[in-house]
Amino acid sequence: MAYLRTPAAAEYLGVGQSTLECKRIDGSGPQWRRLGSKIVVYATEDLDAWASQSIHASGSEGKG
């Protein structure tokens, strides 16, 4: 299993680092792990799973 720190995880997903950090705080982002007291990492499989939940069919975005 590969782990990425926040900057690399944000790049992997194509989002800003601050976006990923905000999603971590509000609980809407991918699963993450803390190594030691300050190091936050994301498993690439968790990033992929989270991103796949955000798929929208044409015309479905913004409706609901």
PDB file of N, CA and C in Angstrom:
ATOM      1  N   MET A   1       0.846  -1.173   0.000  1.00  0.00           N
ATOM      2  CA  MET A   1       0.000   0.000   0.000  1.00  0.00           C
ATOM      3  C   MET A   1       0.893   1.239   0.000  1.00  0.00           C
ATOM      4  N   ALA A   2       0.621   2.170  -0.912  1.00  0.00           N
ATOM      5  CA  ALA A   2       1.397   3.401  -0.993  1.00  0.00           C
ATOM      6  C   ALA A   2       0.692   4.504  -0.201  1.00  0.00           C
ATOM      7  N   TYR A   3       1.472   5.304   0.500  1.00  0.00           N
ATOM      8  CA  TYR A   3       0.951   6.425   1.272  1.00  0.00           C
ATOM      9  C   TYR A   3       1.521   7.731   0.729  1.00  0.00           C
ATOM     10  N   LEU A   4       0.666   8.753   0.689  1.00  0.00           N
ATOM     11  CA  LEU A   4       1.079  10.072   0.230  1.00  0.00           C
ATOM     12  C   LEU A   4       0.796  11.100   1.323  1.00  0.00           C
ATOM     13  N   ARG A   5       1.717  12.037   1.504  1.00  0.00           N
ATOM     14  CA  ARG A   5       1.456  13.154   2.406  1.00  0.00           C
ATOM     15  C   ARG A   5       0.474  14.103   1.726  1.00  0.00           C
ATOM     16  N   THR A   6      -0.061  15.037   2.480  1.00  0.00           N
ATOM     17  CA  THR A   6      -1.122  15.913   1.987  1.00  0.00           C
ATOM     18  C   THR A   6      -0.798  16.605   0.666  1.00  0.00           C
ATOM     19  N   PRO A   7       0.367  17.238   0.494  1.00  0.00           N
ATOM     20  CA  PRO A   7       0.630  17.904  -0.789  1.00  0.00           C
ATOM     21  C   PRO A   7       0.595  16.943  -1.979  1.00  0.00           C
ATOM     22  N   ALA A   8       1.178  15.769  -1.821  1.00  0.00           N
ATOM     23  CA  ALA A   8       1.197  14.781  -2.904  1.00  0.00           C
ATOM     24  C   ALA A   8      -0.193  14.196  -3.130  1.00  0.00           C
ATOM     25  N   ALA A   9      -0.960  14.009  -2.055  1.00  0.00           N
ATOM     26  CA  ALA A   9      -2.320  13.487  -2.190  1.00  0.00           C
ATOM     27  C   ALA A   9      -3.206  14.483  -2.927  1.00  0.00           C
ATOM     28  N   ALA A  10      -3.055  15.756  -2.618  1.00  0.00           N
ATOM     29  CA  ALA A  10      -3.827  16.793  -3.309  1.00  0.00           C
ATOM     30  C   ALA A  10      -3.480  16.809  -4.795  1.00  0.00           C
ATOM     31  N   GLU A  11      -2.206  16.711  -5.110  1.00  0.00           N
ATOM     32  CA  GLU A  11      -1.788  16.670  -6.513  1.00  0.00           C
ATOM     33  C   GLU A  11      -2.333  15.421  -7.199  1.00  0.00           C
ATOM     34  N   TYR A  12      -2.295  14.303  -6.524  1.00  0.00           N
ATOM     35  CA  TYR A  12      -2.808  13.035  -7.055  1.00  0.00           C
ATOM     36  C   TYR A  12      -4.280  13.169  -7.442  1.00  0.00           C
ATOM     37  N   LEU A  13      -5.047  13.880  -6.594  1.00  0.00           N
ATOM     38  CA  LEU A  13      -6.474  14.060  -6.836  1.00  0.00           C
ATOM     39  C   LEU A  13      -6.780  15.218  -7.776  1.00  0.00           C
ATOM     40  N   GLY A  14      -5.814  16.106  -7.959  1.00  0.00           N
ATOM     41  CA  GLY A  14      -6.036  17.277  -8.795  1.00  0.00           C
ATOM     42  C   GLY A  14      -6.811  18.376  -8.090  1.00  0.00           C
ATOM     43  N   VAL A  15      -6.655  18.448  -6.774  1.00  0.00           N
ATOM     44  CA  VAL A  15      -7.305  19.498  -5.984  1.00  0.00           C
ATOM     45  C   VAL A  15      -6.233  20.271  -5.231  1.00  0.00           C
ATOM     46  N   GLY A  16      -6.606  21.408  -4.696  1.00  0.00           N
ATOM     47  CA  GLY A  16      -5.674  22.191  -3.900  1.00  0.00           C
ATOM     48  C   GLY A  16      -5.420  21.555  -2.548  1.00  0.00           C
ATOM     49  N   GLN A  17      -4.242  21.808  -2.011  1.00  0.00           N
ATOM     50  CA  GLN A  17      -3.902  21.259  -0.701  1.00  0.00           C
ATOM     51  C   GLN A  17      -4.867  21.781   0.363  1.00  0.00           C
ATOM     52  N   SER A  18      -5.224  23.066   0.288  1.00  0.00           N
ATOM     53  CA  SER A  18      -6.139  23.622   1.285  1.00  0.00           C
ATOM     54  C   SER A  18      -7.525  22.985   1.186  1.00  0.00           C
ATOM     55  N   THR A  19      -7.944  22.628  -0.026  1.00  0.00           N
ATOM     56  CA  THR A  19      -9.226  21.939  -0.206  1.00  0.00           C
ATOM     57  C   THR A  19      -9.203  20.600   0.511  1.00  0.00           C
ATOM     58  N   LEU A  20      -8.125  19.860   0.314  1.00  0.00           N
ATOM     59  CA  LEU A  20      -8.005  18.547   0.954  1.00  0.00           C
ATOM     60  C   LEU A  20      -7.953  18.692   2.476  1.00  0.00           C
ATOM     61  N   GLU A  21      -7.237  19.696   2.965  1.00  0.00           N
ATOM     62  CA  GLU A  21      -7.154  19.921   4.410  1.00  0.00           C
ATOM     63  C   GLU A  21      -8.528  20.268   4.986  1.00  0.00           C
ATOM     64  N   CYS A  22      -9.285  21.132   4.291  1.00  0.00           N
ATOM     65  CA  CYS A  22     -10.633  21.491   4.758  1.00  0.00           C
ATOM     66  C   CYS A  22     -11.546  20.273   4.777  1.00  0.00           C
ATOM     67  N   LYS A  23     -11.446  19.438   3.759  1.00  0.00           N
ATOM     68  CA  LYS A  23     -12.275  18.234   3.702  1.00  0.00           C
ATOM     69  C   LYS A  23     -11.888  17.257   4.812  1.00  0.00           C
ATOM     70  N   ARG A  24     -10.621  17.236   5.193  1.00  0.00           N
ATOM     71  CA  ARG A  24     -10.188  16.388   6.305  1.00  0.00           C
ATOM     72  C   ARG A  24     -10.818  16.895   7.602  1.00  0.00           C
ATOM     73  N   ILE A  25     -10.856  18.206   7.783  1.00  0.00           N
ATOM     74  CA  ILE A  25     -11.394  18.790   9.009  1.00  0.00           C
ATOM     75  C   ILE A  25     -12.893  18.579   9.118  1.00  0.00           C
ATOM     76  N   ASP A  26     -13.620  18.776   7.994  1.00  0.00           N
ATOM     77  CA  ASP A  26     -15.080  18.655   8.075  1.00  0.00           C
ATOM     78  C   ASP A  26     -15.583  17.223   7.851  1.00  0.00           C
ATOM     79  N   GLY A  27     -14.673  16.290   7.570  1.00  0.00           N
ATOM     80  CA  GLY A  27     -15.043  14.888   7.453  1.00  0.00           C
ATOM     81  C   GLY A  27     -15.581  14.479   6.097  1.00  0.00           C
ATOM     82  N   SER A  28     -15.510  15.361   5.098  1.00  0.00           N
ATOM     83  CA  SER A  28     -16.055  15.030   3.780  1.00  0.00           C
ATOM     84  C   SER A  28     -14.998  14.505   2.810  1.00  0.00           C
ATOM     85  N   GLY A  29     -13.766  14.408   3.259  1.00  0.00           N
ATOM     86  CA  GLY A  29     -12.686  13.967   2.384  1.00  0.00           C
ATOM     87  C   GLY A  29     -12.372  12.495   2.517  1.00  0.00           C
ATOM     88  N   PRO A  30     -11.312  12.067   1.853  1.00  0.00           N
ATOM     89  CA  PRO A  30     -10.909  10.666   1.924  1.00  0.00           C
ATOM     90  C   PRO A  30     -10.373  10.297   3.310  1.00  0.00           C
ATOM     91  N   GLN A  31     -10.384   9.007   3.589  1.00  0.00           N
ATOM     92  CA  GLN A  31      -9.811   8.522   4.850  1.00  0.00           C
ATOM     93  C   GLN A  31      -8.338   8.880   4.907  1.00  0.00           C
ATOM     94  N   TRP A  32      -7.832   9.134   6.118  1.00  0.00           N
ATOM     95  CA  TRP A  32      -6.443   9.502   6.296  1.00  0.00           C
ATOM     96  C   TRP A  32      -5.910   8.863   7.564  1.00  0.00           C
ATOM     97  N   ARG A  33      -4.600   8.899   7.684  1.00  0.00           N
ATOM     98  CA  ARG A  33      -3.920   8.323   8.853  1.00  0.00           C
ATOM     99  C   ARG A  33      -2.925   9.333   9.398  1.00  0.00           C
ATOM    100  N   ARG A  34      -2.682   9.262  10.696  1.00  0.00           N
ATOM    101  CA  ARG A  34      -1.672  10.121  11.314  1.00  0.00           C
ATOM    102  C   ARG A  34      -0.494   9.244  11.729  1.00  0.00           C
ATOM    103  N   LEU A  35       0.679   9.635  11.279  1.00  0.00           N
ATOM    104  CA  LEU A  35       1.918   8.952  11.673  1.00  0.00           C
ATOM    105  C   LEU A  35       2.662   9.872  12.628  1.00  0.00           C
ATOM    106  N   GLY A  36       2.843   9.425  13.831  1.00  0.00           N
ATOM    107  CA  GLY A  36       3.456  10.290  14.822  1.00  0.00           C
ATOM    108  C   GLY A  36       2.468  11.361  15.243  1.00  0.00           C
ATOM    109  N   SER A  37       2.984  12.523  15.633  1.00  0.00           N
ATOM    110  CA  SER A  37       2.092  13.574  16.128  1.00  0.00           C
ATOM    111  C   SER A  37       1.658  14.560  15.055  1.00  0.00           C
ATOM    112  N   LYS A  38       2.391  14.636  13.920  1.00  0.00           N
ATOM    113  CA  LYS A  38       2.084  15.671  12.944  1.00  0.00           C
ATOM    114  C   LYS A  38       1.953  15.205  11.498  1.00  0.00           C
ATOM    115  N   ILE A  39       2.393  14.032  11.177  1.00  0.00           N
ATOM    116  CA  ILE A  39       2.419  13.599   9.775  1.00  0.00           C
ATOM    117  C   ILE A  39       1.093  12.946   9.400  1.00  0.00           C
ATOM    118  N   VAL A  40       0.400  13.536   8.417  1.00  0.00           N
ATOM    119  CA  VAL A  40      -0.855  13.007   7.905  1.00  0.00           C
ATOM    120  C   VAL A  40      -0.568  12.378   6.555  1.00  0.00           C
ATOM    121  N   VAL A  41      -1.058  11.157   6.358  1.00  0.00           N
ATOM    122  CA  VAL A  41      -0.879  10.465   5.081  1.00  0.00           C
ATOM    123  C   VAL A  41      -2.204   9.884   4.613  1.00  0.00           C
ATOM    124  N   TYR A  42      -2.272   9.687   3.292  1.00  0.00           N
ATOM    125  CA  TYR A  42      -3.435   9.099   2.651  1.00  0.00           C
ATOM    126  C   TYR A  42      -2.974   7.884   1.862  1.00  0.00           C
ATOM    127  N   ALA A  43      -3.699   6.785   1.961  1.00  0.00           N
ATOM    128  CA  ALA A  43      -3.427   5.608   1.134  1.00  0.00           C
ATOM    129  C   ALA A  43      -4.000   5.879  -0.255  1.00  0.00           C
ATOM    130  N   THR A  44      -3.248   5.538  -1.288  1.00  0.00           N
ATOM    131  CA  THR A  44      -3.725   5.806  -2.646  1.00  0.00           C
ATOM    132  C   THR A  44      -5.036   5.067  -2.917  1.00  0.00           C
ATOM    133  N   GLU A  45      -5.225   3.900  -2.343  1.00  0.00           N
ATOM    134  CA  GLU A  45      -6.485   3.185  -2.561  1.00  0.00           C
ATOM    135  C   GLU A  45      -7.661   3.919  -1.925  1.00  0.00           C
ATOM    136  N   ASP A  46      -7.439   4.605  -0.796  1.00  0.00           N
ATOM    137  CA  ASP A  46      -8.491   5.414  -0.181  1.00  0.00           C
ATOM    138  C   ASP A  46      -8.792   6.647  -1.029  1.00  0.00           C
ATOM    139  N   LEU A  47      -7.757   7.243  -1.620  1.00  0.00           N
ATOM    140  CA  LEU A  47      -7.961   8.390  -2.509  1.00  0.00           C
ATOM    141  C   LEU A  47      -8.780   7.981  -3.729  1.00  0.00           C
ATOM    142  N   ASP A  48      -8.438   6.829  -4.306  1.00  0.00           N
ATOM    143  CA  ASP A  48      -9.172   6.329  -5.468  1.00  0.00           C
ATOM    144  C   ASP A  48     -10.632   6.039  -5.120  1.00  0.00           C
ATOM    145  N   ALA A  49     -10.865   5.421  -3.968  1.00  0.00           N
ATOM    146  CA  ALA A  49     -12.226   5.096  -3.541  1.00  0.00           C
ATOM    147  C   ALA A  49     -13.039   6.367  -3.325  1.00  0.00           C
ATOM    148  N   TRP A  50     -12.452   7.365  -2.684  1.00  0.00           N
ATOM    149  CA  TRP A  50     -13.141   8.623  -2.443  1.00  0.00           C
ATOM    150  C   TRP A  50     -13.466   9.334  -3.758  1.00  0.00           C
ATOM    151  N   ALA A  51     -12.502   9.370  -4.671  1.00  0.00           N
ATOM    152  CA  ALA A  51     -12.716  10.033  -5.958  1.00  0.00           C
ATOM    153  C   ALA A  51     -13.797   9.325  -6.766  1.00  0.00           C
ATOM    154  N   SER A  52     -13.867   8.007  -6.683  1.00  0.00           N
ATOM    155  CA  SER A  52     -14.862   7.274  -7.466  1.00  0.00           C
ATOM    156  C   SER A  52     -16.277   7.520  -6.945  1.00  0.00           C
ATOM    157  N   GLN A  53     -16.414   7.952  -5.691  1.00  0.00           N
ATOM    158  CA  GLN A  53     -17.727   8.276  -5.133  1.00  0.00           C
ATOM    159  C   GLN A  53     -18.245   9.608  -5.669  1.00  0.00           C
ATOM    160  N   SER A  54     -17.382  10.378  -6.311  1.00  0.00           N
ATOM    161  CA  SER A  54     -17.744  11.711  -6.791  1.00  0.00           C
ATOM    162  C   SER A  54     -18.100  11.725  -8.274  1.00  0.00           C
ATOM    163  N   ILE A  55     -18.373  10.582  -8.849  1.00  0.00           N
ATOM    164  CA  ILE A  55     -18.715  10.507 -10.268  1.00  0.00           C
ATOM    165  C   ILE A  55     -20.170  10.929 -10.467  1.00  0.00           C
ATOM    166  N   HIS A  56     -20.385  11.805 -11.439  1.00  0.00           N
ATOM    167  CA  HIS A  56     -21.727  12.275 -11.763  1.00  0.00           C
ATOM    168  C   HIS A  56     -22.043  11.973 -13.217  1.00  0.00           C
ATOM    169  N   ALA A  57     -23.233  11.517 -13.469  1.00  0.00           N
ATOM    170  CA  ALA A  57     -23.684  11.302 -14.843  1.00  0.00           C
ATOM    171  C   ALA A  57     -23.999  12.672 -15.455  1.00  0.00           C
ATOM    172  N   SER A  58     -23.900  12.773 -16.748  1.00  0.00           N
ATOM    173  CA  SER A  58     -24.190  14.004 -17.447  1.00  0.00           C
ATOM    174  C   SER A  58     -25.567  14.523 -17.054  1.00  0.00           C
ATOM    175  N   GLY A  59     -25.629  15.787 -16.688  1.00  0.00           N
ATOM    176  CA  GLY A  59     -26.900  16.404 -16.328  1.00  0.00           C
ATOM    177  C   GLY A  59     -27.319  16.202 -14.889  1.00  0.00           C
ATOM    178  N   SER A  60     -26.632  15.341 -14.130  1.00  0.00           N
ATOM    179  CA  SER A  60     -27.049  15.084 -12.762  1.00  0.00           C
ATOM    180  C   SER A  60     -26.378  16.016 -11.761  1.00  0.00           C
ATOM    181  N   GLU A  61     -25.315  16.698 -12.168  1.00  0.00           N
ATOM    182  CA  GLU A  61     -24.601  17.562 -11.232  1.00  0.00           C
ATOM    183  C   GLU A  61     -25.476  18.757 -10.864  1.00  0.00           C
ATOM    184  N   GLY A  62     -25.534  19.037  -9.574  1.00  0.00           N
ATOM    185  CA  GLY A  62     -26.274  20.184  -9.098  1.00  0.00           C
ATOM    186  C   GLY A  62     -27.773  19.933  -8.900  1.00  0.00           C
ATOM    187  N   LYS A  63     -28.233  18.756  -9.175  1.00  0.00           N
ATOM    188  CA  LYS A  63     -29.649  18.451  -8.966  1.00  0.00           C
ATOM    189  C   LYS A  63     -29.804  17.579  -7.728  1.00  0.00           C
ATOM    190  N   GLY A  64     -30.886  17.719  -7.060  1.00  0.00           N
ATOM    191  CA  GLY A  64     -31.103  16.815  -5.950  1.00  0.00           C
ATOM    192  C   GLY A  64     -31.828  17.362  -4.830  1.00  0.00           C
TER     193      GLY A  64
END
